C-alpha atoms as a PDB file:
ATOM      1  CA  UNK A   1      -0.832  -5.672   5.594  1.00  0.00           C
ATOM      2  CA  UNK A   2      -1.927  -7.854   2.340  1.00  0.00           C
ATOM      3  CA  UNK A   3      -1.417 -11.398   4.113  1.00  0.00           C
ATOM      4  CA  UNK A   4      -4.739 -13.819   3.543  1.00  0.00           C
ATOM      5  CA  UNK A   5      -6.435 -15.379   5.975  1.00  0.00           C
ATOM      6  CA  UNK A   6      -9.195 -17.910   6.811  1.00  0.00           C
ATOM      7  CA  UNK A   7     -10.490 -17.601   9.936  1.00  0.00           C
ATOM      8  CA  UNK A   8     -11.795 -20.932   9.741  1.00  0.00           C
ATOM      9  CA  UNK A   9      -8.080 -22.265  10.417  1.00  0.00           C
ATOM     10  CA  UNK A  10      -8.051 -20.350  13.985  1.00  0.00           C
ATOM     11  CA  UNK A  11     -10.895 -21.312  15.598  1.00  0.00           C
ATOM     12  CA  UNK A  12     -12.102 -19.101  18.510  1.00  0.00           C
ATOM     13  CA  UNK A  13     -13.347 -20.124  21.972  1.00  0.00           C
ATOM     14  CA  UNK A  14     -10.959 -22.876  22.468  1.00  0.00           C
ATOM     15  CA  UNK A  15      -8.080 -22.494  25.095  1.00  0.00           C
ATOM     16  CA  UNK A  16      -4.838 -23.935  23.394  1.00  0.00           C
ATOM     17  CA  UNK A  17      -1.515 -24.669  25.914  1.00  0.00           C
ATOM     18  CA  UNK A  18       1.812 -23.066  24.149  1.00  0.00           C
ATOM     19  CA  UNK A  19       3.935 -23.557  26.554  1.00  0.00           C
ATOM     20  CA  UNK A  20       4.446 -25.175  30.492  1.00  0.00           C
ATOM     21  CA  UNK A  21       3.123 -21.445  31.347  1.00  0.00           C
ATOM     22  CA  UNK A  22       0.976 -19.387  28.477  1.00  0.00           C
ATOM     23  CA  UNK A  23      -1.837 -20.571  26.934  1.00  0.00           C
ATOM     24  CA  UNK A  24      -4.481 -18.562  24.356  1.00  0.00           C
ATOM     25  CA  UNK A  25      -7.884 -17.962  23.378  1.00  0.00           C
ATOM     26  CA  UNK A  26      -8.768 -16.131  20.021  1.00  0.00           C
ATOM     27  CA  UNK A  27     -11.582 -13.975  20.236  1.00  0.00           C
ATOM     28  CA  UNK A  28     -14.077 -14.174  17.710  1.00  0.00           C
ATOM     29  CA  UNK A  29     -12.954 -10.707  16.247  1.00  0.00           C
ATOM     30  CA  UNK A  30     -11.453 -11.315  12.696  1.00  0.00           C
ATOM     31  CA  UNK A  31     -11.510  -8.650   9.955  1.00  0.00           C
ATOM     32  CA  UNK A  32      -8.780  -7.842   7.383  1.00  0.00           C
ATOM     33  CA  UNK A  33      -7.308  -5.493  10.507  1.00  0.00           C
ATOM     34  CA  UNK A  34      -7.446  -7.739  13.111  1.00  0.00           C
ATOM     35  CA  UNK A  35      -6.461 -11.182  11.065  1.00  0.00           C
ATOM     36  CA  UNK A  36      -7.541 -13.952  13.023  1.00  0.00           C
ATOM     37  CA  UNK A  37      -8.848 -12.156  15.723  1.00  0.00           C
ATOM     38  CA  UNK A  38      -7.423 -11.128  19.151  1.00  0.00           C
ATOM     39  CA  UNK A  39      -5.401 -13.156  21.306  1.00  0.00           C
ATOM     40  CA  UNK A  40      -6.062 -13.344  24.408  1.00  0.00           C
ATOM     41  CA  UNK A  41      -2.814 -14.823  26.552  1.00  0.00           C
ATOM     42  CA  UNK A  42      -3.586 -17.203  30.010  1.00  0.00           C
ATOM     43  CA  UNK A  43      -0.378 -17.403  31.745  1.00  0.00           C
ATOM     44  CA  UNK A  44       0.615 -19.826  34.679  1.00  0.00           C
ATOM     45  CA  UNK A  45      -1.235 -23.012  36.105  1.00  0.00           C
ATOM     46  CA  UNK A  46      -2.119 -22.288  39.620  1.00  0.00           C
ATOM     47  CA  UNK A  47      -2.122 -19.063  39.856  1.00  0.00           C
ATOM     48  CA  UNK A  48      -3.177 -16.771  36.422  1.00  0.00           C
ATOM     49  CA  UNK A  49      -2.597 -13.198  34.555  1.00  0.00           C
ATOM     50  CA  UNK A  50      -4.743 -12.685  31.642  1.00  0.00           C
ATOM     51  CA  UNK A  51      -3.379 -10.412  28.780  1.00  0.00           C
ATOM     52  CA  UNK A  52      -5.052  -8.504  26.550  1.00  0.00           C
ATOM     53  CA  UNK A  53      -8.944 -10.108  27.512  1.00  0.00           C
ATOM     54  CA  UNK A  54      -9.581  -8.580  24.216  1.00  0.00           C
ATOM     55  CA  UNK A  55     -13.583  -7.159  23.210  1.00  0.00           C
ATOM     56  CA  UNK A  56     -16.732  -7.414  25.056  1.00  0.00           C
ATOM     57  CA  UNK A  57     -17.972 -10.277  23.252  1.00  0.00           C
ATOM     58  CA  UNK A  58     -20.539 -12.873  25.956  1.00  0.00           C
ATOM     59  CA  UNK A  59     -19.349 -15.809  23.663  1.00  0.00           C
ATOM     60  CA  UNK A  60     -15.506 -14.826  24.508  1.00  0.00           C
ATOM     61  CA  UNK A  61     -15.918 -13.965  28.109  1.00  0.00           C
ATOM     62  CA  UNK A  62     -17.330 -17.410  28.586  1.00  0.00           C
ATOM     63  CA  UNK A  63     -14.190 -19.408  26.596  1.00  0.00           C
ATOM     64  CA  UNK A  64     -12.497 -17.139  29.296  1.00  0.00           C
ATOM     65  CA  UNK A  65     -14.204 -18.704  32.109  1.00  0.00           C
ATOM     66  CA  UNK A  66     -13.705 -21.962  31.023  1.00  0.00           C
ATOM     67  CA  UNK A  67      -9.968 -21.260  30.347  1.00  0.00           C
ATOM     68  CA  UNK A  68      -9.529 -19.846  34.087  1.00  0.00           C
ATOM     69  CA  UNK A  69     -11.526 -23.067  35.301  1.00  0.00           C
ATOM     70  CA  UNK A  70     -11.936 -21.630  38.289  1.00  0.00           C
ATOM     71  CA  UNK A  71      -8.336 -21.131  39.496  1.00  0.00           C
ATOM     72  CA  UNK A  72      -7.554 -17.573  40.862  1.00  0.00           C
ATOM     73  CA  UNK A  73      -6.939 -14.701  38.683  1.00  0.00           C
ATOM     74  CA  UNK A  74      -4.278 -12.242  40.147  1.00  0.00           C
ATOM     75  CA  UNK A  75      -3.866  -9.687  37.146  1.00  0.00           C
ATOM     76  CA  UNK A  76      -6.421  -8.609  34.063  1.00  0.00           C
ATOM     77  CA  UNK A  77      -3.332  -7.254  32.001  1.00  0.00           C
ATOM     78  CA  UNK A  78      -3.592  -4.759  28.858  1.00  0.00           C
ATOM     79  CA  UNK A  79      -1.259  -3.908  26.469  1.00  0.00           C
ATOM     80  CA  UNK A  80      -3.085  -0.742  25.462  1.00  0.00           C
ATOM     81  CA  UNK A  81      -6.572   0.565  24.856  1.00  0.00           C
ATOM     82  CA  UNK A  82      -7.649  -0.114  21.381  1.00  0.00           C
ATOM     83  CA  UNK A  83     -11.247  -1.809  21.303  1.00  0.00           C
ATOM     84  CA  UNK A  84     -10.214  -4.816  20.326  1.00  0.00           C
ATOM     85  CA  UNK A  85      -7.734  -5.240  23.071  1.00  0.00           C
ATOM     86  CA  UNK A  86      -9.035  -3.998  26.646  1.00  0.00           C
ATOM     87  CA  UNK A  87     -13.048  -3.690  26.759  1.00  0.00           C
ATOM     88  CA  UNK A  88     -12.972  -7.362  28.290  1.00  0.00           C
ATOM     89  CA  UNK A  89     -11.049  -6.253  30.827  1.00  0.00           C
ATOM     90  CA  UNK A  90     -14.240  -4.911  33.649  1.00  0.00           C
ATOM     91  CA  UNK A  91     -16.802  -7.823  32.950  1.00  0.00           C
ATOM     92  CA  UNK A  92     -13.548  -9.932  33.360  1.00  0.00           C
ATOM     93  CA  UNK A  93     -12.697  -8.655  36.809  1.00  0.00           C
ATOM     94  CA  UNK A  94     -16.004  -8.777  37.968  1.00  0.00           C
ATOM     95  CA  UNK A  95     -16.460 -12.420  36.875  1.00  0.00           C
ATOM     96  CA  UNK A  96     -13.009 -13.010  38.414  1.00  0.00           C
ATOM     97  CA  UNK A  97     -12.172 -10.326  41.480  1.00  0.00           C
ATOM     98  CA  UNK A  98      -9.001  -9.846  39.764  1.00  0.00           C
ATOM     99  CA  UNK A  99      -7.533  -6.569  39.498  1.00  0.00           C
ATOM    100  CA  UNK A 100      -7.043  -4.438  36.158  1.00  0.00           C
ATOM    101  CA  UNK A 101      -3.276  -3.638  35.200  1.00  0.00           C
ATOM    102  CA  UNK A 102      -1.267  -2.279  32.908  1.00  0.00           C
ATOM    103  CA  UNK A 103      -1.261   0.118  30.586  1.00  0.00           C
ATOM    104  CA  UNK A 104      -2.411   3.955  31.340  1.00  0.00           C
ATOM    105  CA  UNK A 105      -6.064   4.823  30.310  1.00  0.00           C
ATOM    106  CA  UNK A 106      -5.909   6.849  26.831  1.00  0.00           C
ATOM    107  CA  UNK A 107      -8.726   7.859  25.028  1.00  0.00           C
ATOM    108  CA  UNK A 108      -7.857   9.924  22.112  1.00  0.00           C
ATOM    109  CA  UNK A 109      -9.971  10.629  18.665  1.00  0.00           C
ATOM    110  CA  UNK A 110      -7.439  10.972  15.750  1.00  0.00           C
ATOM    111  CA  UNK A 111      -8.331  12.307  12.094  1.00  0.00           C
ATOM    112  CA  UNK A 112      -8.549   9.520   9.866  1.00  0.00           C
ATOM    113  CA  UNK A 113      -9.105   5.985   9.293  1.00  0.00           C
ATOM    114  CA  UNK A 114      -6.948   3.421  11.181  1.00  0.00           C
ATOM    115  CA  UNK A 115      -6.481  -0.396  10.806  1.00  0.00           C
ATOM    116  CA  UNK A 116      -7.530  -1.320  14.065  1.00  0.00           C
ATOM    117  CA  UNK A 117     -10.648  -0.320  16.557  1.00  0.00           C
ATOM    118  CA  UNK A 118     -10.661   3.360  17.978  1.00  0.00           C
ATOM    119  CA  UNK A 119      -9.811   3.707  21.818  1.00  0.00           C
ATOM    120  CA  UNK A 120     -11.597   2.455  24.470  1.00  0.00           C
ATOM    121  CA  UNK A 121     -12.854   5.060  26.543  1.00  0.00           C
ATOM    122  CA  UNK A 122     -14.051   2.350  29.506  1.00  0.00           C
ATOM    123  CA  UNK A 123     -10.995   1.076  30.664  1.00  0.00           C
ATOM    124  CA  UNK A 124     -10.311   2.104  34.113  1.00  0.00           C
ATOM    125  CA  UNK A 125      -6.856   0.733  35.286  1.00  0.00           C
ATOM    126  CA  UNK A 126      -6.747  -0.663  39.085  1.00  0.00           C
ATOM    127  CA  UNK A 127      -2.874  -0.007  39.047  1.00  0.00           C
ATOM    128  CA  UNK A 128      -1.051   1.262  35.872  1.00  0.00           C
ATOM    129  CA  UNK A 129       2.573  -0.552  35.380  1.00  0.00           C
ATOM    130  CA  UNK A 130       5.508   1.972  34.514  1.00  0.00           C
ATOM    131  CA  UNK A 131       8.573   0.484  32.489  1.00  0.00           C
ATOM    132  CA  UNK A 132      10.409  -2.424  35.040  1.00  0.00           C
ATOM    133  CA  UNK A 133       7.645  -2.848  37.313  1.00  0.00           C
ATOM    134  CA  UNK A 134       6.846  -6.676  37.456  1.00  0.00           C
ATOM    135  CA  UNK A 135       3.429  -8.789  38.627  1.00  0.00           C
ATOM    136  CA  UNK A 136       4.044 -12.289  39.751  1.00  0.00           C
ATOM    137  CA  UNK A 137       1.705 -15.231  40.595  1.00  0.00           C
ATOM    138  CA  UNK A 138       2.851 -18.896  41.432  1.00  0.00           C
ATOM    139  CA  UNK A 139       5.726 -19.816  39.519  1.00  0.00           C
ATOM    140  CA  UNK A 140       5.679 -16.509  37.033  1.00  0.00           C
ATOM    141  CA  UNK A 141       6.715 -13.172  36.754  1.00  0.00           C
ATOM    142  CA  UNK A 142       5.463 -10.482  34.149  1.00  0.00           C
ATOM    143  CA  UNK A 143       7.629  -7.466  33.836  1.00  0.00           C
ATOM    144  CA  UNK A 144       6.938  -4.265  32.188  1.00  0.00           C
ATOM    145  CA  UNK A 145       8.292  -2.982  29.143  1.00  0.00           C
ATOM    146  CA  UNK A 146       7.324   0.677  27.784  1.00  0.00           C
ATOM    147  CA  UNK A 147       7.252   0.308  23.908  1.00  0.00           C
ATOM    148  CA  UNK A 148       5.153   3.777  22.720  1.00  0.00           C
ATOM    149  CA  UNK A 149       4.837   3.760  19.242  1.00  0.00           C
ATOM    150  CA  UNK A 150       1.330   2.184  17.841  1.00  0.00           C
ATOM    151  CA  UNK A 151       0.297   3.961  20.743  1.00  0.00           C
ATOM    152  CA  UNK A 152       1.943   6.235  23.467  1.00  0.00           C
ATOM    153  CA  UNK A 153       0.310   3.866  26.416  1.00  0.00           C
ATOM    154  CA  UNK A 154       1.624   0.725  25.021  1.00  0.00           C
ATOM    155  CA  UNK A 155       3.104  -1.984  27.011  1.00  0.00           C
ATOM    156  CA  UNK A 156       4.706  -5.371  26.235  1.00  0.00           C
ATOM    157  CA  UNK A 157       4.926  -7.909  29.067  1.00  0.00           C
ATOM    158  CA  UNK A 158       7.917  -9.855  29.504  1.00  0.00           C
ATOM    159  CA  UNK A 159       7.551 -13.250  30.792  1.00  0.00           C
ATOM    160  CA  UNK A 160      10.958 -14.069  32.708  1.00  0.00           C
ATOM    161  CA  UNK A 161      11.132 -18.089  33.577  1.00  0.00           C
ATOM    162  CA  UNK A 162      10.527 -18.691  29.473  1.00  0.00           C
ATOM    163  CA  UNK A 163      12.057 -15.635  27.763  1.00  0.00           C
ATOM    164  CA  UNK A 164       8.829 -14.667  26.378  1.00  0.00           C
ATOM    165  CA  UNK A 165       7.419 -11.237  25.716  1.00  0.00           C
ATOM    166  CA  UNK A 166       4.053 -10.744  24.503  1.00  0.00           C
ATOM    167  CA  UNK A 167       3.876  -7.795  22.667  1.00  0.00           C
ATOM    168  CA  UNK A 168       0.595  -6.605  21.673  1.00  0.00           C
ATOM    169  CA  UNK A 169       0.497  -4.713  18.721  1.00  0.00           C
ATOM    170  CA  UNK A 170       3.943  -3.428  18.427  1.00  0.00           C
ATOM    171  CA  UNK A 171       5.166  -6.149  16.475  1.00  0.00           C
ATOM    172  CA  UNK A 172       2.457  -8.346  15.347  1.00  0.00           C
ATOM    173  CA  UNK A 173       2.625 -11.648  13.266  1.00  0.00           C
ATOM    174  CA  UNK A 174       1.383 -11.538  10.379  1.00  0.00           C
ATOM    175  CA  UNK A 175       1.781  -7.524   9.373  1.00  0.00           C
ATOM    176  CA  UNK A 176       3.515  -4.584  10.094  1.00  0.00           C
ATOM    177  CA  UNK A 177       1.638  -2.262  13.008  1.00  0.00           C
ATOM    178  CA  UNK A 178       0.169   0.977  12.410  1.00  0.00           C
ATOM    179  CA  UNK A 179       1.104   4.051  13.619  1.00  0.00           C
ATOM    180  CA  UNK A 180      -1.801   6.614  13.601  1.00  0.00           C
ATOM    181  CA  UNK A 181      -1.165  10.120  14.222  1.00  0.00           C
ATOM    182  CA  UNK A 182      -1.226  12.433  16.625  1.00  0.00           C
ATOM    183  CA  UNK A 183      -1.122   9.713  19.017  1.00  0.00           C
ATOM    184  CA  UNK A 184       0.934   7.116  16.845  1.00  0.00           C
ATOM    185  CA  UNK A 185       4.482   8.498  16.556  1.00  0.00           C
ATOM    186  CA  UNK A 186       7.361   6.834  14.262  1.00  0.00           C
ATOM    187  CA  UNK A 187      10.180   7.979  15.889  1.00  0.00           C
ATOM    188  CA  UNK A 188       9.080   6.661  18.958  1.00  0.00           C
ATOM    189  CA  UNK A 189       8.036   3.244  17.460  1.00  0.00           C
ATOM    190  CA  UNK A 190      11.591   2.978  15.791  1.00  0.00           C
ATOM    191  CA  UNK A 191      13.116   3.388  19.365  1.00  0.00           C
ATOM    192  CA  UNK A 192      10.809   0.884  20.535  1.00  0.00           C
ATOM    193  CA  UNK A 193      11.630  -1.794  17.841  1.00  0.00           C
ATOM    194  CA  UNK A 194      15.360  -1.005  18.612  1.00  0.00           C
ATOM    195  CA  UNK A 195      15.133  -1.602  22.285  1.00  0.00           C
ATOM    196  CA  UNK A 196      13.229  -5.073  21.545  1.00  0.00           C
ATOM    197  CA  UNK A 197      15.822  -6.311  19.253  1.00  0.00           C
ATOM    198  CA  UNK A 198      18.376  -5.277  21.527  1.00  0.00           C
ATOM    199  CA  UNK A 199      16.768  -7.966  24.162  1.00  0.00           C
ATOM    200  CA  UNK A 200      17.398 -11.562  24.089  1.00  0.00           C
ATOM    201  CA  UNK A 201      13.718 -12.824  24.396  1.00  0.00           C
ATOM    202  CA  UNK A 202      13.192 -16.299  22.741  1.00  0.00           C
ATOM    203  CA  UNK A 203       9.754 -15.955  21.756  1.00  0.00           C
ATOM    204  CA  UNK A 204       7.416 -13.600  21.145  1.00  0.00           C
ATOM    205  CA  UNK A 205       3.058 -14.225  21.774  1.00  0.00           C
ATOM    206  CA  UNK A 206       1.800 -11.280  19.440  1.00  0.00           C
ATOM    207  CA  UNK A 207      -2.346 -10.099  19.922  1.00  0.00           C
ATOM    208  CA  UNK A 208      -2.653 -10.926  16.194  1.00  0.00           C
ATOM    209  CA  UNK A 209      -0.704 -13.653  14.329  1.00  0.00           C
ATOM    210  CA  UNK A 210       1.380 -16.712  15.253  1.00  0.00           C
ATOM    211  CA  UNK A 211       3.992 -16.933  18.231  1.00  0.00           C
ATOM    212  CA  UNK A 212       7.068 -15.360  16.589  1.00  0.00           C
ATOM    213  CA  UNK A 213      10.382 -18.239  17.197  1.00  0.00           C
ATOM    214  CA  UNK A 214      13.562 -16.065  16.048  1.00  0.00           C
ATOM    215  CA  UNK A 215      12.004 -12.893  17.367  1.00  0.00           C
ATOM    216  CA  UNK A 216      15.033 -10.148  16.684  1.00  0.00           C
ATOM    217  CA  UNK A 217      15.240 -11.634  12.902  1.00  0.00           C
ATOM    218  CA  UNK A 218      11.669 -10.714  12.964  1.00  0.00           C
ATOM    219  CA  UNK A 219      12.144  -7.235  14.631  1.00  0.00           C
ATOM    220  CA  UNK A 220      14.718  -6.433  12.628  1.00  0.00           C
ATOM    221  CA  UNK A 221      12.950  -7.011   9.651  1.00  0.00           C
ATOM    222  CA  UNK A 222       9.622  -4.999  10.756  1.00  0.00           C
ATOM    223  CA  UNK A 223      12.589  -1.998  11.168  1.00  0.00           C
ATOM    224  CA  UNK A 224      14.008  -3.167   7.815  1.00  0.00           C
ATOM    225  CA  UNK A 225      11.078  -2.323   6.221  1.00  0.00           C
ATOM    226  CA  UNK A 226       9.716   0.789   8.333  1.00  0.00           C
ATOM    227  CA  UNK A 227      13.437   2.043   6.972  1.00  0.00           C
ATOM    228  CA  UNK A 228      12.226   1.208   3.750  1.00  0.00           C
ATOM    229  CA  UNK A 229       8.999   3.301   3.273  1.00  0.00           C
ATOM    230  CA  UNK A 230      11.170   5.807   4.488  1.00  0.00           C
ATOM    231  CA  UNK A 231      13.343   5.332   1.466  1.00  0.00           C
ATOM    232  CA  UNK A 232      10.283   5.583  -0.549  1.00  0.00           C
ATOM    233  CA  UNK A 233       8.592   8.094   0.926  1.00  0.00           C
ATOM    234  CA  UNK A 234      11.737  10.528   0.130  1.00  0.00           C
ATOM    235  CA  UNK A 235      11.975   9.576  -3.235  1.00  0.00           C
ATOM    236  CA  UNK A 236       8.091  10.443  -3.523  1.00  0.00           C
ATOM    237  CA  UNK A 237       8.718  14.292  -1.905  1.00  0.00           C
ATOM    238  CA  UNK A 238      12.039  14.879  -4.338  1.00  0.00           C
ATOM    239  CA  UNK A 239      10.148  15.426  -7.384  1.00  0.00           C
ATOM    240  CA  UNK A 240       9.561  19.124  -8.515  1.00  0.00           C
ATOM    241  CA  UNK A 241       6.144  19.331  -7.614  1.00  0.00           C
ATOM    242  CA  UNK A 242       5.767  17.133  -4.387  1.00  0.00           C
ATOM    243  CA  UNK A 243       3.243  14.968  -3.819  1.00  0.00           C
ATOM    244  CA  UNK A 244       0.494  13.781  -1.854  1.00  0.00           C
ATOM    245  CA  UNK A 245      -0.009  10.966   1.183  1.00  0.00           C
ATOM    246  CA  UNK A 246      -2.920   9.764  -1.371  1.00  0.00           C
ATOM    247  CA  UNK A 247      -0.783   9.514  -4.513  1.00  0.00           C
ATOM    248  CA  UNK A 248       2.091   8.106  -2.580  1.00  0.00           C
ATOM    249  CA  UNK A 249      -0.156   5.357  -0.749  1.00  0.00           C
ATOM    250  CA  UNK A 250      -1.691   4.501  -4.613  1.00  0.00           C
ATOM    251  CA  UNK A 251       2.330   3.916  -5.521  1.00  0.00           C
ATOM    252  CA  UNK A 252       3.894   2.230  -2.206  1.00  0.00           C
ATOM    253  CA  UNK A 253       1.062  -0.427  -1.520  1.00  0.00           C
ATOM    254  CA  UNK A 254       0.538  -1.612  -5.062  1.00  0.00           C
ATOM    255  CA  UNK A 255      -1.400  -4.899  -4.683  1.00  0.00           C
ATOM    256  CA  UNK A 256      -2.587  -4.215  -0.691  1.00  0.00           C
ATOM    257  CA  UNK A 257      -6.238  -4.450  -0.668  1.00  0.00           C
ATOM    258  CA  UNK A 258      -7.332  -1.242  -1.171  1.00  0.00           C
ATOM    259  CA  UNK A 259      -9.958  -0.699   2.042  1.00  0.00           C
ATOM    260  CA  UNK A 260      -6.296  -0.342   3.625  1.00  0.00           C
ATOM    261  CA  UNK A 261      -5.500   2.806   1.768  1.00  0.00           C
ATOM    262  CA  UNK A 262      -6.898   4.611   4.304  1.00  0.00           C
ATOM    263  CA  UNK A 263      -4.841   2.822   7.120  1.00  0.00           C
ATOM    264  CA  UNK A 264      -1.376   2.834   4.980  1.00  0.00           C
ATOM    265  CA  UNK A 265      -1.665   6.660   4.578  1.00  0.00           C
ATOM    266  CA  UNK A 266      -1.524   6.972   8.373  1.00  0.00           C
ATOM    267  CA  UNK A 267       1.462   5.114   8.745  1.00  0.00           C
ATOM    268  CA  UNK A 268       2.783   7.309   5.377  1.00  0.00           C
ATOM    269  CA  UNK A 269       1.824  10.413   7.693  1.00  0.00           C
ATOM    270  CA  UNK A 270       3.932   9.431  10.800  1.00  0.00           C
ATOM    271  CA  UNK A 271       7.036   8.861   8.542  1.00  0.00           C
ATOM    272  CA  UNK A 272       6.275  12.281   6.997  1.00  0.00           C
ATOM    273  CA  UNK A 273       6.126  14.299  10.751  1.00  0.00           C
ATOM    274  CA  UNK A 274       9.212  12.135  11.803  1.00  0.00           C
ATOM    275  CA  UNK A 275      10.868  13.097   8.751  1.00  0.00           C
ATOM    276  CA  UNK A 276       9.652  17.052   9.089  1.00  0.00           C
ATOM    277  CA  UNK A 277      11.050  16.703  12.761  1.00  0.00           C
ATOM    278  CA  UNK A 278      14.094  15.942  11.238  1.00  0.00           C
ATOM    279  CA  UNK A 279      14.202  18.450   8.384  1.00  0.00           C
ATOM    280  CA  UNK A 280      13.939  16.450   5.649  1.00  0.00           C
ATOM    281  CA  UNK A 281      10.360  16.747   4.756  1.00  0.00           C
ATOM    282  CA  UNK A 282       7.720  20.214   4.945  1.00  0.00           C
ATOM    283  CA  UNK A 283       3.951  20.274   3.881  1.00  0.00           C
ATOM    284  CA  UNK A 284       2.589  22.618   1.196  1.00  0.00           C
ATOM    285  CA  UNK A 285      -0.524  24.552   1.703  1.00  0.00           C
ATOM    286  CA  UNK A 286      -1.759  22.168  -0.825  1.00  0.00           C
ATOM    287  CA  UNK A 287      -1.805  18.945   0.701  1.00  0.00           C
ATOM    288  CA  UNK A 288       1.517  18.232  -1.007  1.00  0.00           C
ATOM    289  CA  UNK A 289       4.524  16.768   0.654  1.00  0.00           C
ATOM    290  CA  UNK A 290       8.178  18.026  -0.449  1.00  0.00           C
ATOM    291  CA  UNK A 291      11.727  17.303   0.203  1.00  0.00           C
ATOM    292  CA  UNK A 292      13.606  19.915   2.205  1.00  0.00           C
END
């Protein structure tokens, strides 16, 4: 979560070819939470799909329109409905006539700071994809892979012709993903991570960060990081007087930008809820967590 970045290293508004079937356009929304910004992917050569159209920013919509270059768009797909991913779907649909397809709508207020944008209340898909359903165009097929955890409605999309997986925020190329209760679910996230480890994808295209060329190794590293955090939490709550989440964050996230402490606390809470459900942790009335 503390990887430095320079937005100038990733120019926005330029369509960059990544493979024979995949191009990307970076949205102008860099931050400590989105890294260099949200990456919108354009799939296909003659007929296209657009994945994670991003924020409703006029410059970004103009850049996507230029990248599409008048070619037919058969689907605008969203991995999930945080506001840095899906709000441009409807205005892009208005420009192209393409249907909005992908994750289910979800609007939810949580009770703490996030490391990403809040939910997009305007998202209205024309078709909801379930696990294993496909969208096809000339020379390409995208298959939905359900990956709840970061959000309950999160989908990845597998490009079958290139053994590639568009991972949204489930796996990012620069940081671990925040899992923020009540919708974020650590147990579901870990199950989804194992599912990706068991696949044979050759490359990940995340919504934030560079493509991942060794995807299973990267996913195992992310999963190992989560298990390491769980071990840290178990050691902290084993103290006789228990410990609060802010106390754990201060010790566990040394060297991290303090602006991210609130988001880190959300992931700690997600771990604690999972440990509670497994009979390993319990919350006291004073906000301190204890081992069971």
